mmCIF file of all heavy atoms, coordinates in Angstrom:
data_MODEL
# 
_entry.id   MODEL 
# 
loop_
_atom_site.group_PDB 
_atom_site.id 
_atom_site.type_symbol 
_atom_site.label_atom_id 
_atom_site.label_alt_id 
_atom_site.label_comp_id 
_atom_site.label_asym_id 
_atom_site.label_entity_id 
_atom_site.label_seq_id 
_atom_site.pdbx_PDB_ins_code 
_atom_site.Cartn_x 
_atom_site.Cartn_y 
_atom_site.Cartn_z 
_atom_site.occupancy 
_atom_site.B_iso_or_equiv 
_atom_site.pdbx_formal_charge 
_atom_site.auth_seq_id 
_atom_site.auth_comp_id 
_atom_site.auth_asym_id 
_atom_site.auth_atom_id 
_atom_site.pdbx_PDB_model_num 
ATOM 1   N N   . SER A 1 1  ? 17.588 13.987 -0.747  1.00 0.00 ? 1  SER A N   1 
ATOM 2   C CA  . SER A 1 1  ? 17.142 12.898 0.135   1.00 0.00 ? 1  SER A CA  1 
ATOM 3   C C   . SER A 1 1  ? 16.603 11.692 -0.650  1.00 0.00 ? 1  SER A C   1 
ATOM 4   O O   . SER A 1 1  ? 16.314 10.646 -0.063  1.00 0.00 ? 1  SER A O   1 
ATOM 5   C CB  . SER A 1 1  ? 16.053 13.400 1.088   1.00 0.00 ? 1  SER A CB  1 
ATOM 6   O OG  . SER A 1 1  ? 14.923 13.846 0.342   1.00 0.00 ? 1  SER A OG  1 
ATOM 7   N N   . LEU A 1 2  ? 16.479 11.837 -1.981  1.00 0.00 ? 2  LEU A N   1 
ATOM 8   C CA  . LEU A 1 2  ? 15.928 10.753 -2.794  1.00 0.00 ? 2  LEU A CA  1 
ATOM 9   C C   . LEU A 1 2  ? 16.984 9.690  -3.086  1.00 0.00 ? 2  LEU A C   1 
ATOM 10  O O   . LEU A 1 2  ? 18.168 10.001 -3.252  1.00 0.00 ? 2  LEU A O   1 
ATOM 11  C CB  . LEU A 1 2  ? 15.378 11.300 -4.116  1.00 0.00 ? 2  LEU A CB  1 
ATOM 12  C CG  . LEU A 1 2  ? 14.230 12.311 -4.018  1.00 0.00 ? 2  LEU A CG  1 
ATOM 13  C CD1 . LEU A 1 2  ? 13.801 12.747 -5.416  1.00 0.00 ? 2  LEU A CD1 1 
ATOM 14  C CD2 . LEU A 1 2  ? 13.038 11.718 -3.269  1.00 0.00 ? 2  LEU A CD2 1 
ATOM 15  N N   . ASP A 1 3  ? 16.532 8.455  -3.174  1.00 0.00 ? 3  ASP A N   1 
ATOM 16  C CA  . ASP A 1 3  ? 17.433 7.340  -3.445  1.00 0.00 ? 3  ASP A CA  1 
ATOM 17  C C   . ASP A 1 3  ? 18.064 7.481  -4.834  1.00 0.00 ? 3  ASP A C   1 
ATOM 18  O O   . ASP A 1 3  ? 17.349 7.639  -5.827  1.00 0.00 ? 3  ASP A O   1 
ATOM 19  C CB  . ASP A 1 3  ? 16.645 6.023  -3.361  1.00 0.00 ? 3  ASP A CB  1 
ATOM 20  C CG  . ASP A 1 3  ? 17.551 4.816  -3.454  1.00 0.00 ? 3  ASP A CG  1 
ATOM 21  O OD1 . ASP A 1 3  ? 18.666 4.872  -2.915  1.00 0.00 ? 3  ASP A OD1 1 
ATOM 22  O OD2 . ASP A 1 3  ? 17.149 3.827  -4.092  1.00 0.00 ? 3  ASP A OD2 1 
ATOM 23  N N   . GLY A 1 4  ? 19.380 7.462  -4.895  1.00 0.00 ? 4  GLY A N   1 
ATOM 24  C CA  . GLY A 1 4  ? 20.084 7.538  -6.172  1.00 0.00 ? 4  GLY A CA  1 
ATOM 25  C C   . GLY A 1 4  ? 20.303 8.936  -6.702  1.00 0.00 ? 4  GLY A C   1 
ATOM 26  O O   . GLY A 1 4  ? 20.848 9.114  -7.797  1.00 0.00 ? 4  GLY A O   1 
ATOM 27  N N   . ALA A 1 5  ? 19.874 9.946  -5.951  1.00 0.00 ? 5  ALA A N   1 
ATOM 28  C CA  . ALA A 1 5  ? 20.009 11.337 -6.406  1.00 0.00 ? 5  ALA A CA  1 
ATOM 29  C C   . ALA A 1 5  ? 21.469 11.688 -6.671  1.00 0.00 ? 5  ALA A C   1 
ATOM 30  O O   . ALA A 1 5  ? 22.378 11.221 -5.970  1.00 0.00 ? 5  ALA A O   1 
ATOM 31  C CB  . ALA A 1 5  ? 19.428 12.292 -5.370  1.00 0.00 ? 5  ALA A CB  1 
ATOM 32  N N   . VAL A 1 6  ? 21.685 12.506 -7.700  1.00 0.00 ? 6  VAL A N   1 
ATOM 33  C CA  . VAL A 1 6  ? 23.047 12.861 -8.106  1.00 0.00 ? 6  VAL A CA  1 
ATOM 34  C C   . VAL A 1 6  ? 23.289 14.349 -7.839  1.00 0.00 ? 6  VAL A C   1 
ATOM 35  O O   . VAL A 1 6  ? 22.692 15.208 -8.487  1.00 0.00 ? 6  VAL A O   1 
ATOM 36  C CB  . VAL A 1 6  ? 23.271 12.572 -9.606  1.00 0.00 ? 6  VAL A CB  1 
ATOM 37  C CG1 . VAL A 1 6  ? 24.697 12.933 -10.002 1.00 0.00 ? 6  VAL A CG1 1 
ATOM 38  C CG2 . VAL A 1 6  ? 22.980 11.119 -9.922  1.00 0.00 ? 6  VAL A CG2 1 
ATOM 39  N N   . PRO A 1 7  ? 24.181 14.697 -6.879  1.00 0.00 ? 7  PRO A N   1 
ATOM 40  C CA  . PRO A 1 7  ? 24.469 16.109 -6.615  1.00 0.00 ? 7  PRO A CA  1 
ATOM 41  C C   . PRO A 1 7  ? 25.321 16.714 -7.727  1.00 0.00 ? 7  PRO A C   1 
ATOM 42  O O   . PRO A 1 7  ? 26.052 16.000 -8.426  1.00 0.00 ? 7  PRO A O   1 
ATOM 43  C CB  . PRO A 1 7  ? 25.241 16.071 -5.295  1.00 0.00 ? 7  PRO A CB  1 
ATOM 44  C CG  . PRO A 1 7  ? 25.891 14.721 -5.282  1.00 0.00 ? 7  PRO A CG  1 
ATOM 45  C CD  . PRO A 1 7  ? 24.933 13.793 -6.000  1.00 0.00 ? 7  PRO A CD  1 
ATOM 46  N N   . ILE A 1 8  ? 25.188 18.032 -7.906  1.00 0.00 ? 8  ILE A N   1 
ATOM 47  C CA  . ILE A 1 8  ? 25.996 18.747 -8.907  1.00 0.00 ? 8  ILE A CA  1 
ATOM 48  C C   . ILE A 1 8  ? 26.850 19.772 -8.171  1.00 0.00 ? 8  ILE A C   1 
ATOM 49  O O   . ILE A 1 8  ? 26.344 20.776 -7.662  1.00 0.00 ? 8  ILE A O   1 
ATOM 50  C CB  . ILE A 1 8  ? 25.095 19.456 -9.941  1.00 0.00 ? 8  ILE A CB  1 
ATOM 51  C CG1 . ILE A 1 8  ? 24.213 18.429 -10.668 1.00 0.00 ? 8  ILE A CG1 1 
ATOM 52  C CG2 . ILE A 1 8  ? 25.952 20.239 -10.944 1.00 0.00 ? 8  ILE A CG2 1 
ATOM 53  C CD1 . ILE A 1 8  ? 23.183 19.047 -11.601 1.00 0.00 ? 8  ILE A CD1 1 
ATOM 54  N N   . PRO A 1 9  ? 28.160 19.535 -8.069  1.00 0.00 ? 9  PRO A N   1 
ATOM 55  C CA  . PRO A 1 9  ? 29.022 20.448 -7.300  1.00 0.00 ? 9  PRO A CA  1 
ATOM 56  C C   . PRO A 1 9  ? 29.220 21.774 -8.019  1.00 0.00 ? 9  PRO A C   1 
ATOM 57  O O   . PRO A 1 9  ? 29.043 21.874 -9.244  1.00 0.00 ? 9  PRO A O   1 
ATOM 58  C CB  . PRO A 1 9  ? 30.342 19.683 -7.199  1.00 0.00 ? 9  PRO A CB  1 
ATOM 59  C CG  . PRO A 1 9  ? 30.350 18.806 -8.418  1.00 0.00 ? 9  PRO A CG  1 
ATOM 60  C CD  . PRO A 1 9  ? 28.914 18.429 -8.666  1.00 0.00 ? 9  PRO A CD  1 
ATOM 61  N N   . LEU A 1 10 ? 29.582 22.791 -7.257  1.00 0.00 ? 10 LEU A N   1 
ATOM 62  C CA  . LEU A 1 10 ? 29.991 24.068 -7.847  1.00 0.00 ? 10 LEU A CA  1 
ATOM 63  C C   . LEU A 1 10 ? 31.409 23.916 -8.376  1.00 0.00 ? 10 LEU A C   1 
ATOM 64  O O   . LEU A 1 10 ? 32.174 23.079 -7.885  1.00 0.00 ? 10 LEU A O   1 
ATOM 65  C CB  . LEU A 1 10 ? 29.955 25.173 -6.788  1.00 0.00 ? 10 LEU A CB  1 
ATOM 66  C CG  . LEU A 1 10 ? 28.569 25.652 -6.345  1.00 0.00 ? 10 LEU A CG  1 
ATOM 67  C CD1 . LEU A 1 10 ? 28.670 26.404 -5.035  1.00 0.00 ? 10 LEU A CD1 1 
ATOM 68  C CD2 . LEU A 1 10 ? 27.940 26.534 -7.413  1.00 0.00 ? 10 LEU A CD2 1 
ATOM 69  N N   . GLU A 1 11 ? 31.753 24.716 -9.369  1.00 0.00 ? 11 GLU A N   1 
ATOM 70  C CA  . GLU A 1 11 ? 33.139 24.720 -9.853  1.00 0.00 ? 11 GLU A CA  1 
ATOM 71  C C   . GLU A 1 11 ? 33.998 25.430 -8.815  1.00 0.00 ? 11 GLU A C   1 
ATOM 72  O O   . GLU A 1 11 ? 33.767 26.598 -8.519  1.00 0.00 ? 11 GLU A O   1 
ATOM 73  C CB  . GLU A 1 11 ? 33.232 25.454 -11.200 1.00 0.00 ? 11 GLU A CB  1 
ATOM 74  C CG  . GLU A 1 11 ? 32.672 24.665 -12.363 1.00 0.00 ? 11 GLU A CG  1 
ATOM 75  C CD  . GLU A 1 11 ? 32.846 25.398 -13.685 1.00 0.00 ? 11 GLU A CD  1 
ATOM 76  O OE1 . GLU A 1 11 ? 33.960 25.363 -14.233 1.00 0.00 ? 11 GLU A OE1 1 
ATOM 77  O OE2 . GLU A 1 11 ? 31.866 26.015 -14.144 1.00 0.00 ? 11 GLU A OE2 1 
ATOM 78  N N   . SER A 1 12 ? 34.940 24.721 -8.256  1.00 0.00 ? 12 SER A N   1 
ATOM 79  C CA  . SER A 1 12 ? 35.750 25.309 -7.181  1.00 0.00 ? 12 SER A CA  1 
ATOM 80  C C   . SER A 1 12 ? 37.025 25.955 -7.710  1.00 0.00 ? 12 SER A C   1 
ATOM 81  O O   . SER A 1 12 ? 37.765 26.579 -6.967  1.00 0.00 ? 12 SER A O   1 
ATOM 82  C CB  . SER A 1 12 ? 36.094 24.247 -6.139  1.00 0.00 ? 12 SER A CB  1 
ATOM 83  O OG  . SER A 1 12 ? 36.760 23.165 -6.754  1.00 0.00 ? 12 SER A OG  1 
ATOM 84  N N   . GLY A 1 13 ? 37.278 25.781 -8.981  1.00 0.00 ? 13 GLY A N   1 
ATOM 85  C CA  . GLY A 1 13 ? 38.475 26.377 -9.556  1.00 0.00 ? 13 GLY A CA  1 
ATOM 86  C C   . GLY A 1 13 ? 38.414 26.291 -11.063 1.00 0.00 ? 13 GLY A C   1 
ATOM 87  O O   . GLY A 1 13 ? 37.360 26.076 -11.630 1.00 0.00 ? 13 GLY A O   1 
ATOM 88  N N   . SER A 1 14 ? 39.540 26.463 -11.710 1.00 0.00 ? 14 SER A N   1 
ATOM 89  C CA  . SER A 1 14 ? 39.560 26.376 -13.166 1.00 0.00 ? 14 SER A CA  1 
ATOM 90  C C   . SER A 1 14 ? 40.294 25.107 -13.569 1.00 0.00 ? 14 SER A C   1 
ATOM 91  O O   . SER A 1 14 ? 40.747 24.341 -12.737 1.00 0.00 ? 14 SER A O   1 
ATOM 92  C CB  . SER A 1 14 ? 40.249 27.621 -13.755 1.00 0.00 ? 14 SER A CB  1 
ATOM 93  O OG  . SER A 1 14 ? 41.553 27.741 -13.220 1.00 0.00 ? 14 SER A OG  1 
ATOM 94  N N   . GLY A 1 15 ? 40.385 24.892 -14.852 1.00 0.00 ? 15 GLY A N   1 
ATOM 95  C CA  . GLY A 1 15 ? 41.105 23.716 -15.325 1.00 0.00 ? 15 GLY A CA  1 
ATOM 96  C C   . GLY A 1 15 ? 40.165 22.709 -15.954 1.00 0.00 ? 15 GLY A C   1 
ATOM 97  O O   . GLY A 1 15 ? 39.001 22.596 -15.569 1.00 0.00 ? 15 GLY A O   1 
ATOM 98  N N   . GLU A 1 16 ? 40.696 21.993 -16.923 1.00 0.00 ? 16 GLU A N   1 
ATOM 99  C CA  . GLU A 1 16 ? 39.906 21.051 -17.703 1.00 0.00 ? 16 GLU A CA  1 
ATOM 100 C C   . GLU A 1 16 ? 39.363 19.914 -16.841 1.00 0.00 ? 16 GLU A C   1 
ATOM 101 O O   . GLU A 1 16 ? 38.214 19.485 -16.998 1.00 0.00 ? 16 GLU A O   1 
ATOM 102 C CB  . GLU A 1 16 ? 40.786 20.481 -18.828 1.00 0.00 ? 16 GLU A CB  1 
ATOM 103 C CG  . GLU A 1 16 ? 40.019 19.736 -19.903 1.00 0.00 ? 16 GLU A CG  1 
ATOM 104 C CD  . GLU A 1 16 ? 39.078 20.631 -20.702 1.00 0.00 ? 16 GLU A CD  1 
ATOM 105 O OE1 . GLU A 1 16 ? 39.360 21.853 -20.813 1.00 0.00 ? 16 GLU A OE1 1 
ATOM 106 O OE2 . GLU A 1 16 ? 38.054 20.119 -21.195 1.00 0.00 ? 16 GLU A OE2 1 
ATOM 107 N N   . GLU A 1 17 ? 40.186 19.440 -15.915 1.00 0.00 ? 17 GLU A N   1 
ATOM 108 C CA  . GLU A 1 17 ? 39.769 18.318 -15.079 1.00 0.00 ? 17 GLU A CA  1 
ATOM 109 C C   . GLU A 1 17 ? 38.585 18.687 -14.200 1.00 0.00 ? 17 GLU A C   1 
ATOM 110 O O   . GLU A 1 17 ? 37.629 17.918 -14.046 1.00 0.00 ? 17 GLU A O   1 
ATOM 111 C CB  . GLU A 1 17 ? 40.958 17.871 -14.206 1.00 0.00 ? 17 GLU A CB  1 
ATOM 112 C CG  . GLU A 1 17 ? 40.782 16.476 -13.630 1.00 0.00 ? 17 GLU A CG  1 
ATOM 113 C CD  . GLU A 1 17 ? 42.050 16.003 -12.916 1.00 0.00 ? 17 GLU A CD  1 
ATOM 114 O OE1 . GLU A 1 17 ? 43.138 16.049 -13.518 1.00 0.00 ? 17 GLU A OE1 1 
ATOM 115 O OE2 . GLU A 1 17 ? 41.908 15.605 -11.752 1.00 0.00 ? 17 GLU A OE2 1 
ATOM 116 N N   . GLU A 1 18 ? 38.651 19.895 -13.630 1.00 0.00 ? 18 GLU A N   1 
ATOM 117 C CA  . GLU A 1 18 ? 37.568 20.394 -12.777 1.00 0.00 ? 18 GLU A CA  1 
ATOM 118 C C   . GLU A 1 18 ? 36.275 20.531 -13.574 1.00 0.00 ? 18 GLU A C   1 
ATOM 119 O O   . GLU A 1 18 ? 35.202 20.140 -13.129 1.00 0.00 ? 18 GLU A O   1 
ATOM 120 C CB  . GLU A 1 18 ? 37.976 21.745 -12.181 1.00 0.00 ? 18 GLU A CB  1 
ATOM 121 C CG  . GLU A 1 18 ? 36.859 22.500 -11.475 1.00 0.00 ? 18 GLU A CG  1 
ATOM 122 C CD  . GLU A 1 18 ? 36.461 21.876 -10.154 1.00 0.00 ? 18 GLU A CD  1 
ATOM 123 O OE1 . GLU A 1 18 ? 37.112 20.909 -9.718  1.00 0.00 ? 18 GLU A OE1 1 
ATOM 124 O OE2 . GLU A 1 18 ? 35.481 22.355 -9.570  1.00 0.00 ? 18 GLU A OE2 1 
ATOM 125 N N   . LEU A 1 19 ? 36.380 21.094 -14.781 1.00 0.00 ? 19 LEU A N   1 
ATOM 126 C CA  . LEU A 1 19 ? 35.217 21.284 -15.642 1.00 0.00 ? 19 LEU A CA  1 
ATOM 127 C C   . LEU A 1 19 ? 34.581 19.941 -15.991 1.00 0.00 ? 19 LEU A C   1 
ATOM 128 O O   . LEU A 1 19 ? 33.354 19.787 -15.931 1.00 0.00 ? 19 LEU A O   1 
ATOM 129 C CB  . LEU A 1 19 ? 35.634 22.019 -16.923 1.00 0.00 ? 19 LEU A CB  1 
ATOM 130 C CG  . LEU A 1 19 ? 34.541 22.223 -17.979 1.00 0.00 ? 19 LEU A CG  1 
ATOM 131 C CD1 . LEU A 1 19 ? 33.400 23.046 -17.416 1.00 0.00 ? 19 LEU A CD1 1 
ATOM 132 C CD2 . LEU A 1 19 ? 35.125 22.908 -19.219 1.00 0.00 ? 19 LEU A CD2 1 
ATOM 133 N N   . GLU A 1 20 ? 35.421 18.958 -16.326 1.00 0.00 ? 20 GLU A N   1 
ATOM 134 C CA  . GLU A 1 20 ? 34.903 17.640 -16.685 1.00 0.00 ? 20 GLU A CA  1 
ATOM 135 C C   . GLU A 1 20 ? 34.182 16.990 -15.503 1.00 0.00 ? 20 GLU A C   1 
ATOM 136 O O   . GLU A 1 20 ? 33.181 16.277 -15.680 1.00 0.00 ? 20 GLU A O   1 
ATOM 137 C CB  . GLU A 1 20 ? 36.038 16.731 -17.166 1.00 0.00 ? 20 GLU A CB  1 
ATOM 138 C CG  . GLU A 1 20 ? 36.480 17.005 -18.587 1.00 0.00 ? 20 GLU A CG  1 
ATOM 139 C CD  . GLU A 1 20 ? 35.352 16.834 -19.602 1.00 0.00 ? 20 GLU A CD  1 
ATOM 140 O OE1 . GLU A 1 20 ? 34.611 15.831 -19.531 1.00 0.00 ? 20 GLU A OE1 1 
ATOM 141 O OE2 . GLU A 1 20 ? 35.198 17.718 -20.456 1.00 0.00 ? 20 GLU A OE2 1 
ATOM 142 N N   . ARG A 1 21 ? 34.670 17.226 -14.308 1.00 0.00 ? 21 ARG A N   1 
ATOM 143 C CA  . ARG A 1 21 ? 34.046 16.655 -13.095 1.00 0.00 ? 21 ARG A CA  1 
ATOM 144 C C   . ARG A 1 21 ? 32.623 17.191 -12.931 1.00 0.00 ? 21 ARG A C   1 
ATOM 145 O O   . ARG A 1 21 ? 31.681 16.444 -12.639 1.00 0.00 ? 21 ARG A O   1 
ATOM 146 C CB  . ARG A 1 21 ? 34.903 16.998 -11.872 1.00 0.00 ? 21 ARG A CB  1 
ATOM 147 C CG  . ARG A 1 21 ? 34.401 16.393 -10.566 1.00 0.00 ? 21 ARG A CG  1 
ATOM 148 C CD  . ARG A 1 21 ? 35.394 16.688 -9.449  1.00 0.00 ? 21 ARG A CD  1 
ATOM 149 N NE  . ARG A 1 21 ? 35.380 18.093 -9.080  1.00 0.00 ? 21 ARG A NE  1 
ATOM 150 C CZ  . ARG A 1 21 ? 34.598 18.614 -8.120  1.00 0.00 ? 21 ARG A CZ  1 
ATOM 151 N NH1 . ARG A 1 21 ? 33.775 17.819 -7.447  1.00 0.00 ? 21 ARG A NH1 1 
ATOM 152 N NH2 . ARG A 1 21 ? 34.652 19.890 -7.830  1.00 0.00 ? 21 ARG A NH2 1 
ATOM 153 N N   . VAL A 1 22 ? 32.456 18.507 -13.137 1.00 0.00 ? 22 VAL A N   1 
ATOM 154 C CA  . VAL A 1 22 ? 31.139 19.122 -12.977 1.00 0.00 ? 22 VAL A CA  1 
ATOM 155 C C   . VAL A 1 22 ? 30.210 18.683 -14.114 1.00 0.00 ? 22 VAL A C   1 
ATOM 156 O O   . VAL A 1 22 ? 29.045 18.347 -13.883 1.00 0.00 ? 22 VAL A O   1 
ATOM 157 C CB  . VAL A 1 22 ? 31.257 20.662 -12.929 1.00 0.00 ? 22 VAL A CB  1 
ATOM 158 C CG1 . VAL A 1 22 ? 29.878 21.303 -12.810 1.00 0.00 ? 22 VAL A CG1 1 
ATOM 159 C CG2 . VAL A 1 22 ? 32.126 21.101 -11.758 1.00 0.00 ? 22 VAL A CG2 1 
ATOM 160 N N   . ILE A 1 23 ? 30.736 18.686 -15.342 1.00 0.00 ? 23 ILE A N   1 
ATOM 161 C CA  . ILE A 1 23 ? 29.916 18.269 -16.485 1.00 0.00 ? 23 ILE A CA  1 
ATOM 162 C C   . ILE A 1 23 ? 29.451 16.829 -16.307 1.00 0.00 ? 23 ILE A C   1 
ATOM 163 O O   . ILE A 1 23 ? 28.285 16.497 -16.569 1.00 0.00 ? 23 ILE A O   1 
ATOM 164 C CB  . ILE A 1 23 ? 30.688 18.451 -17.809 1.00 0.00 ? 23 ILE A CB  1 
ATOM 165 C CG1 . ILE A 1 23 ? 30.776 19.935 -18.163 1.00 0.00 ? 23 ILE A CG1 1 
ATOM 166 C CG2 . ILE A 1 23 ? 30.021 17.660 -18.940 1.00 0.00 ? 23 ILE A CG2 1 
ATOM 167 C CD1 . ILE A 1 23 ? 31.571 20.247 -19.415 1.00 0.00 ? 23 ILE A CD1 1 
ATOM 168 N N   . GLN A 1 24 ? 30.359 15.957 -15.820 1.00 0.00 ? 24 GLN A N   1 
ATOM 169 C CA  . GLN A 1 24 ? 29.983 14.556 -15.584 1.00 0.00 ? 24 GLN A CA  1 
ATOM 170 C C   . GLN A 1 24 ? 28.832 14.470 -14.581 1.00 0.00 ? 24 GLN A C   1 
ATOM 171 O O   . GLN A 1 24 ? 27.907 13.655 -14.748 1.00 0.00 ? 24 GLN A O   1 
ATOM 172 C CB  . GLN A 1 24 ? 31.181 13.756 -15.072 1.00 0.00 ? 24 GLN A CB  1 
ATOM 173 C CG  . GLN A 1 24 ? 30.896 12.269 -14.880 1.00 0.00 ? 24 GLN A CG  1 
ATOM 174 C CD  . GLN A 1 24 ? 30.538 11.569 -16.183 1.00 0.00 ? 24 GLN A CD  1 
ATOM 175 O OE1 . GLN A 1 24 ? 31.262 11.669 -17.162 1.00 0.00 ? 24 GLN A OE1 1 
ATOM 176 N NE2 . GLN A 1 24 ? 29.406 10.865 -16.198 1.00 0.00 ? 24 GLN A NE2 1 
ATOM 177 N N   . ALA A 1 25 ? 28.866 15.310 -13.542 1.00 0.00 ? 25 ALA A N   1 
ATOM 178 C CA  . ALA A 1 25 ? 27.803 15.310 -12.537 1.00 0.00 ? 25 ALA A CA  1 
ATOM 179 C C   . ALA A 1 25 ? 26.476 15.745 -13.159 1.00 0.00 ? 25 ALA A C   1 
ATOM 180 O O   . ALA A 1 25 ? 25.421 15.170 -12.858 1.00 0.00 ? 25 ALA A O   1 
ATOM 181 C CB  . ALA A 1 25 ? 28.177 16.237 -11.376 1.00 0.00 ? 25 ALA A CB  1 
# 
């Protein structure tokens, strides 16, 4: 609920692109 807060998604699958998305978060 905080202004500018950054959510961190769960890894929904495998693969380099997916991993990079979570690490970026």
